[in-house]
Amino acid sequence: MDPKIEEATGRVKEAAGALTGDEDLKAKGQAEQASAKAQQALDDVADKAKDAVKSAADAAEGVIDSVKEKLS
């Protein structure tokens, strides 16, 4: 499930639990929100890692091209 949808679902469950006095539902909603936020953070880290790897690969390619030019 998309983390944003999971977070929204968690909010609804938390609110429903609070309105009805169902502490289990409220806690489940809070747990879903926390899980969704953690997944979003992991997704952000993965995206940043991918960007860093791409930047490093691009830089390495530039160095290789430069060395090839000097050797030619």
PDB file of N, CA and C in Angstrom:
ATOM      1  N   MET A   1       0.847  -1.173   0.000  1.00  0.00           N
ATOM      2  CA  MET A   1       0.000   0.000   0.000  1.00  0.00           C
ATOM      3  C   MET A   1       0.894   1.239   0.000  1.00  0.00           C
ATOM      4  N   ASP A   2       0.455   2.238  -0.701  1.00  0.00           N
ATOM      5  CA  ASP A   2       1.175   3.506  -0.749  1.00  0.00           C
ATOM      6  C   ASP A   2       1.258   4.091   0.661  1.00  0.00           C
ATOM      7  N   PRO A   3       2.457   4.528   1.071  1.00  0.00           N
ATOM      8  CA  PRO A   3       2.599   5.061   2.437  1.00  0.00           C
ATOM      9  C   PRO A   3       1.679   6.251   2.742  1.00  0.00           C
ATOM     10  N   LYS A   4       1.396   7.063   1.751  1.00  0.00           N
ATOM     11  CA  LYS A   4       0.516   8.216   1.987  1.00  0.00           C
ATOM     12  C   LYS A   4      -0.918   7.757   2.251  1.00  0.00           C
ATOM     13  N   ILE A   5      -1.336   6.729   1.533  1.00  0.00           N
ATOM     14  CA  ILE A   5      -2.678   6.180   1.760  1.00  0.00           C
ATOM     15  C   ILE A   5      -2.725   5.501   3.122  1.00  0.00           C
ATOM     16  N   GLU A   6      -1.658   4.761   3.448  1.00  0.00           N
ATOM     17  CA  GLU A   6      -1.596   4.100   4.753  1.00  0.00           C
ATOM     18  C   GLU A   6      -1.643   5.125   5.887  1.00  0.00           C
ATOM     19  N   GLU A   7      -0.944   6.233   5.706  1.00  0.00           N
ATOM     20  CA  GLU A   7      -0.953   7.275   6.746  1.00  0.00           C
ATOM     21  C   GLU A   7      -2.355   7.870   6.900  1.00  0.00           C
ATOM     22  N   ALA A   8      -3.016   8.140   5.774  1.00  0.00           N
ATOM     23  CA  ALA A   8      -4.371   8.694   5.830  1.00  0.00           C
ATOM     24  C   ALA A   8      -5.336   7.707   6.485  1.00  0.00           C
ATOM     25  N   THR A   9      -5.203   6.433   6.141  1.00  0.00           N
ATOM     26  CA  THR A   9      -6.043   5.399   6.746  1.00  0.00           C
ATOM     27  C   THR A   9      -5.809   5.345   8.253  1.00  0.00           C
ATOM     28  N   GLY A  10      -4.550   5.461   8.640  1.00  0.00           N
ATOM     29  CA  GLY A  10      -4.219   5.472  10.062  1.00  0.00           C
ATOM     30  C   GLY A  10      -4.845   6.646  10.791  1.00  0.00           C
ATOM     31  N   ARG A  11      -4.857   7.788  10.140  1.00  0.00           N
ATOM     32  CA  ARG A  11      -5.484   8.973  10.754  1.00  0.00           C
ATOM     33  C   ARG A  11      -6.979   8.749  10.971  1.00  0.00           C
ATOM     34  N   VAL A  12      -7.616   8.162   9.949  1.00  0.00           N
ATOM     35  CA  VAL A  12      -9.056   7.901  10.054  1.00  0.00           C
ATOM     36  C   VAL A  12      -9.325   6.915  11.194  1.00  0.00           C
ATOM     37  N   LYS A  13      -8.527   5.853  11.264  1.00  0.00           N
ATOM     38  CA  LYS A  13      -8.712   4.867  12.332  1.00  0.00           C
ATOM     39  C   LYS A  13      -8.471   5.487  13.705  1.00  0.00           C
ATOM     40  N   GLU A  14      -7.437   6.300  13.797  1.00  0.00           N
ATOM     41  CA  GLU A  14      -7.156   6.949  15.079  1.00  0.00           C
ATOM     42  C   GLU A  14      -8.323   7.848  15.499  1.00  0.00           C
ATOM     43  N   ALA A  15      -8.826   8.621  14.549  1.00  0.00           N
ATOM     44  CA  ALA A  15      -9.945   9.512  14.854  1.00  0.00           C
ATOM     45  C   ALA A  15     -11.205   8.726  15.218  1.00  0.00           C
ATOM     46  N   ALA A  16     -11.465   7.666  14.473  1.00  0.00           N
ATOM     47  CA  ALA A  16     -12.640   6.836  14.768  1.00  0.00           C
ATOM     48  C   ALA A  16     -12.506   6.202  16.151  1.00  0.00           C
ATOM     49  N   GLY A  17     -11.318   5.739  16.472  1.00  0.00           N
ATOM     50  CA  GLY A  17     -11.087   5.158  17.790  1.00  0.00           C
ATOM     51  C   GLY A  17     -11.279   6.176  18.897  1.00  0.00           C
ATOM     52  N   ALA A  18     -10.806   7.397  18.656  1.00  0.00           N
ATOM     53  CA  ALA A  18     -10.954   8.453  19.658  1.00  0.00           C
ATOM     54  C   ALA A  18     -12.434   8.818  19.850  1.00  0.00           C
ATOM     55  N   LEU A  19     -13.166   8.886  18.732  1.00  0.00           N
ATOM     56  CA  LEU A  19     -14.588   9.251  18.812  1.00  0.00           C
ATOM     57  C   LEU A  19     -15.433   8.179  19.493  1.00  0.00           C
ATOM     58  N   THR A  20     -15.080   6.921  19.258  1.00  0.00           N
ATOM     59  CA  THR A  20     -15.888   5.827  19.805  1.00  0.00           C
ATOM     60  C   THR A  20     -15.365   5.296  21.130  1.00  0.00           C
ATOM     61  N   GLY A  21     -14.190   5.767  21.527  1.00  0.00           N
ATOM     62  CA  GLY A  21     -13.596   5.280  22.763  1.00  0.00           C
ATOM     63  C   GLY A  21     -12.914   3.926  22.604  1.00  0.00           C
ATOM     64  N   ASP A  22     -12.689   3.528  21.353  1.00  0.00           N
ATOM     65  CA  ASP A  22     -12.039   2.244  21.061  1.00  0.00           C
ATOM     66  C   ASP A  22     -10.523   2.461  21.051  1.00  0.00           C
ATOM     67  N   GLU A  23      -9.894   2.184  22.175  1.00  0.00           N
ATOM     68  CA  GLU A  23      -8.456   2.433  22.315  1.00  0.00           C
ATOM     69  C   GLU A  23      -7.622   1.546  21.387  1.00  0.00           C
ATOM     70  N   ASP A  24      -8.100   0.320  21.128  1.00  0.00           N
ATOM     71  CA  ASP A  24      -7.371  -0.564  20.212  1.00  0.00           C
ATOM     72  C   ASP A  24      -7.344   0.008  18.800  1.00  0.00           C
ATOM     73  N   LEU A  25      -8.487   0.494  18.328  1.00  0.00           N
ATOM     74  CA  LEU A  25      -8.562   1.091  16.997  1.00  0.00           C
ATOM     75  C   LEU A  25      -7.707   2.356  16.930  1.00  0.00           C
ATOM     76  N   LYS A  26      -7.764   3.141  17.970  1.00  0.00           N
ATOM     77  CA  LYS A  26      -6.957   4.371  18.035  1.00  0.00           C
ATOM     78  C   LYS A  26      -5.464   4.024  17.967  1.00  0.00           C
ATOM     79  N   ALA A  27      -5.051   3.030  18.719  1.00  0.00           N
ATOM     80  CA  ALA A  27      -3.641   2.611  18.735  1.00  0.00           C
ATOM     81  C   ALA A  27      -3.233   2.030  17.380  1.00  0.00           C
ATOM     82  N   LYS A  28      -4.138   1.260  16.768  1.00  0.00           N
ATOM     83  CA  LYS A  28      -3.829   0.699  15.453  1.00  0.00           C
ATOM     84  C   LYS A  28      -3.635   1.823  14.435  1.00  0.00           C
ATOM     85  N   GLY A  29      -4.470   2.836  14.506  1.00  0.00           N
ATOM     86  CA  GLY A  29      -4.336   3.987  13.614  1.00  0.00           C
ATOM     87  C   GLY A  29      -3.012   4.704  13.819  1.00  0.00           C
ATOM     88  N   GLN A  30      -2.620   4.867  15.062  1.00  0.00           N
ATOM     89  CA  GLN A  30      -1.333   5.511  15.354  1.00  0.00           C
ATOM     90  C   GLN A  30      -0.173   4.672  14.835  1.00  0.00           C
ATOM     91  N   ALA A  31      -0.290   3.353  14.988  1.00  0.00           N
ATOM     92  CA  ALA A  31       0.763   2.457  14.512  1.00  0.00           C
ATOM     93  C   ALA A  31       0.872   2.512  12.990  1.00  0.00           C
ATOM     94  N   GLU A  32      -0.263   2.558  12.305  1.00  0.00           N
ATOM     95  CA  GLU A  32      -0.246   2.645  10.836  1.00  0.00           C
ATOM     96  C   GLU A  32       0.399   3.947  10.380  1.00  0.00           C
ATOM     97  N   GLN A  33       0.108   5.019  11.085  1.00  0.00           N
ATOM     98  CA  GLN A  33       0.716   6.300  10.729  1.00  0.00           C
ATOM     99  C   GLN A  33       2.236   6.256  10.908  1.00  0.00           C
ATOM    100  N   ALA A  34       2.671   5.672  12.013  1.00  0.00           N
ATOM    101  CA  ALA A  34       4.109   5.575  12.273  1.00  0.00           C
ATOM    102  C   ALA A  34       4.780   4.702  11.222  1.00  0.00           C
ATOM    103  N   SER A  35       4.143   3.606  10.869  1.00  0.00           N
ATOM    104  CA  SER A  35       4.686   2.713   9.842  1.00  0.00           C
ATOM    105  C   SER A  35       4.797   3.432   8.497  1.00  0.00           C
ATOM    106  N   ALA A  36       3.772   4.171   8.150  1.00  0.00           N
ATOM    107  CA  ALA A  36       3.762   4.896   6.883  1.00  0.00           C
ATOM    108  C   ALA A  36       4.865   5.960   6.851  1.00  0.00           C
ATOM    109  N   LYS A  37       5.035   6.662   7.957  1.00  0.00           N
ATOM    110  CA  LYS A  37       6.078   7.690   8.019  1.00  0.00           C
ATOM    111  C   LYS A  37       7.462   7.063   7.908  1.00  0.00           C
ATOM    112  N   ALA A  38       7.647   5.913   8.529  1.00  0.00           N
ATOM    113  CA  ALA A  38       8.932   5.211   8.432  1.00  0.00           C
ATOM    114  C   ALA A  38       9.186   4.769   6.993  1.00  0.00           C
ATOM    115  N   GLN A  39       8.153   4.268   6.331  1.00  0.00           N
ATOM    116  CA  GLN A  39       8.305   3.842   4.935  1.00  0.00           C
ATOM    117  C   GLN A  39       8.643   5.027   4.040  1.00  0.00           C
ATOM    118  N   GLN A  40       8.001   6.155   4.291  1.00  0.00           N
ATOM    119  CA  GLN A  40       8.303   7.364   3.516  1.00  0.00           C
ATOM    120  C   GLN A  40       9.748   7.796   3.722  1.00  0.00           C
ATOM    121  N   ALA A  41      10.224   7.708   4.944  1.00  0.00           N
ATOM    122  CA  ALA A  41      11.617   8.065   5.234  1.00  0.00           C
ATOM    123  C   ALA A  41      12.570   7.108   4.522  1.00  0.00           C
ATOM    124  N   LEU A  42      12.264   5.813   4.539  1.00  0.00           N
ATOM    125  CA  LEU A  42      13.097   4.837   3.834  1.00  0.00           C
ATOM    126  C   LEU A  42      13.095   5.088   2.336  1.00  0.00           C
ATOM    127  N   ASP A  43      11.940   5.424   1.789  1.00  0.00           N
ATOM    128  CA  ASP A  43      11.853   5.740   0.361  1.00  0.00           C
ATOM    129  C   ASP A  43      12.710   6.954   0.021  1.00  0.00           C
ATOM    130  N   ASP A  44      12.675   7.959   0.889  1.00  0.00           N
ATOM    131  CA  ASP A  44      13.489   9.164   0.672  1.00  0.00           C
ATOM    132  C   ASP A  44      14.984   8.825   0.700  1.00  0.00           C
ATOM    133  N   VAL A  45      15.386   7.996   1.655  1.00  0.00           N
ATOM    134  CA  VAL A  45      16.797   7.594   1.750  1.00  0.00           C
ATOM    135  C   VAL A  45      17.202   6.809   0.505  1.00  0.00           C
ATOM    136  N   ALA A  46      16.339   5.912   0.049  1.00  0.00           N
ATOM    137  CA  ALA A  46      16.636   5.124  -1.146  1.00  0.00           C
ATOM    138  C   ALA A  46      16.783   6.031  -2.359  1.00  0.00           C
ATOM    139  N   ASP A  47      15.907   7.021  -2.490  1.00  0.00           N
ATOM    140  CA  ASP A  47      15.999   7.957  -3.610  1.00  0.00           C
ATOM    141  C   ASP A  47      17.304   8.747  -3.560  1.00  0.00           C
ATOM    142  N   LYS A  48      17.677   9.191  -2.373  1.00  0.00           N
ATOM    143  CA  LYS A  48      18.929   9.942  -2.233  1.00  0.00           C
ATOM    144  C   LYS A  48      20.137   9.066  -2.538  1.00  0.00           C
ATOM    145  N   ALA A  49      20.084   7.812  -2.130  1.00  0.00           N
ATOM    146  CA  ALA A  49      21.183   6.889  -2.419  1.00  0.00           C
ATOM    147  C   ALA A  49      21.301   6.665  -3.923  1.00  0.00           C
ATOM    148  N   LYS A  50      20.175   6.488  -4.591  1.00  0.00           N
ATOM    149  CA  LYS A  50      20.189   6.307  -6.045  1.00  0.00           C
ATOM    150  C   LYS A  50      20.796   7.534  -6.730  1.00  0.00           C
ATOM    151  N   ASP A  51      20.398   8.712  -6.269  1.00  0.00           N
ATOM    152  CA  ASP A  51      20.944   9.951  -6.837  1.00  0.00           C
ATOM    153  C   ASP A  51      22.456  10.039  -6.619  1.00  0.00           C
ATOM    154  N   ALA A  52      22.916   9.652  -5.436  1.00  0.00           N
ATOM    155  CA  ALA A  52      24.344   9.705  -5.128  1.00  0.00           C
ATOM    156  C   ALA A  52      25.117   8.735  -6.003  1.00  0.00           C
ATOM    157  N   VAL A  53      24.576   7.539  -6.195  1.00  0.00           N
ATOM    158  CA  VAL A  53      25.242   6.545  -7.045  1.00  0.00           C
ATOM    159  C   VAL A  53      25.302   7.043  -8.483  1.00  0.00           C
ATOM    160  N   LYS A  54      24.211   7.619  -8.958  1.00  0.00           N
ATOM    161  CA  LYS A  54      24.200   8.157 -10.330  1.00  0.00           C
ATOM    162  C   LYS A  54      25.220   9.277 -10.476  1.00  0.00           C
ATOM    163  N   SER A  55      25.295  10.165  -9.500  1.00  0.00           N
ATOM    164  CA  SER A  55      26.273  11.258  -9.551  1.00  0.00           C
ATOM    165  C   SER A  55      27.694  10.719  -9.557  1.00  0.00           C
ATOM    166  N   ALA A  56      27.955   9.715  -8.737  1.00  0.00           N
ATOM    167  CA  ALA A  56      29.289   9.118  -8.697  1.00  0.00           C
ATOM    168  C   ALA A  56      29.622   8.447 -10.027  1.00  0.00           C
ATOM    169  N   ALA A  57      28.649   7.757 -10.610  1.00  0.00           N
ATOM    170  CA  ALA A  57      28.868   7.095 -11.895  1.00  0.00           C
ATOM    171  C   ALA A  57      29.125   8.125 -12.987  1.00  0.00           C
ATOM    172  N   ASP A  58      28.379   9.210 -12.971  1.00  0.00           N
ATOM    173  CA  ASP A  58      28.584  10.272 -13.951  1.00  0.00           C
ATOM    174  C   ASP A  58      29.973  10.894 -13.799  1.00  0.00           C
ATOM    175  N   ALA A  59      30.384  11.112 -12.562  1.00  0.00           N
ATOM    176  CA  ALA A  59      31.707  11.683 -12.313  1.00  0.00           C
ATOM    177  C   ALA A  59      32.794  10.726 -12.770  1.00  0.00           C
ATOM    178  N   ALA A  60      32.640   9.451 -12.490  1.00  0.00           N
ATOM    179  CA  ALA A  60      33.627   8.456 -12.911  1.00  0.00           C
ATOM    180  C   ALA A  60      33.711   8.395 -14.433  1.00  0.00           C
ATOM    181  N   GLU A  61      32.577   8.470 -15.078  1.00  0.00           N
ATOM    182  CA  GLU A  61      32.561   8.453 -16.548  1.00  0.00           C
ATOM    183  C   GLU A  61      33.298   9.673 -17.101  1.00  0.00           C
ATOM    184  N   GLY A  62      33.105  10.810 -16.442  1.00  0.00           N
ATOM    185  CA  GLY A  62      33.813  12.016 -16.874  1.00  0.00           C
ATOM    186  C   GLY A  62      35.314  11.867 -16.718  1.00  0.00           C
ATOM    187  N   VAL A  63      35.766  11.273 -15.634  1.00  0.00           N
ATOM    188  CA  VAL A  63      37.192  11.047 -15.403  1.00  0.00           C
ATOM    189  C   VAL A  63      37.743  10.087 -16.456  1.00  0.00           C
ATOM    190  N   ILE A  64      37.008   9.028 -16.732  1.00  0.00           N
ATOM    191  CA  ILE A  64      37.448   8.046 -17.731  1.00  0.00           C
ATOM    192  C   ILE A  64      37.568   8.704 -19.097  1.00  0.00           C
ATOM    193  N   ASP A  65      36.590   9.510 -19.475  1.00  0.00           N
ATOM    194  CA  ASP A  65      36.644  10.211 -20.758  1.00  0.00           C
ATOM    195  C   ASP A  65      37.837  11.150 -20.814  1.00  0.00           C
ATOM    196  N   SER A  66      38.119  11.826 -19.717  1.00  0.00           N
ATOM    197  CA  SER A  66      39.249  12.746 -19.664  1.00  0.00           C
ATOM    198  C   SER A  66      40.572  11.991 -19.828  1.00  0.00           C
ATOM    199  N   VAL A  67      40.703  10.865 -19.160  1.00  0.00           N
ATOM    200  CA  VAL A  67      41.923  10.062 -19.265  1.00  0.00           C
ATOM    201  C   VAL A  67      42.078   9.537 -20.688  1.00  0.00           C
ATOM    202  N   LYS A  68      40.987   9.079 -21.289  1.00  0.00           N
ATOM    203  CA  LYS A  68      41.047   8.593 -22.673  1.00  0.00           C
ATOM    204  C   LYS A  68      41.528   9.668 -23.633  1.00  0.00           C
ATOM    205  N   GLU A  69      41.020  10.895 -23.443  1.00  0.00           N
ATOM    206  CA  GLU A  69      41.431  12.009 -24.291  1.00  0.00           C
ATOM    207  C   GLU A  69      42.924  12.286 -24.151  1.00  0.00           C
ATOM    208  N   LYS A  70      43.428  12.224 -22.940  1.00  0.00           N
ATOM    209  CA  LYS A  70      44.846  12.516 -22.696  1.00  0.00           C
ATOM    210  C   LYS A  70      45.733  11.411 -23.268  1.00  0.00           C
ATOM    211  N   LEU A  71      45.229  10.196 -23.290  1.00  0.00           N
ATOM    212  CA  LEU A  71      46.018   9.076 -23.801  1.00  0.00           C
ATOM    213  C   LEU A  71      45.977   8.998 -25.325  1.00  0.00           C
ATOM    214  N   SER A  72      45.035   9.662 -25.920  1.00  0.00           N
ATOM    215  CA  SER A  72      44.901   9.609 -27.396  1.00  0.00           C
ATOM    216  C   SER A  72      45.877  10.512 -28.087  1.00  0.00           C
TER     217      SER A  72
END
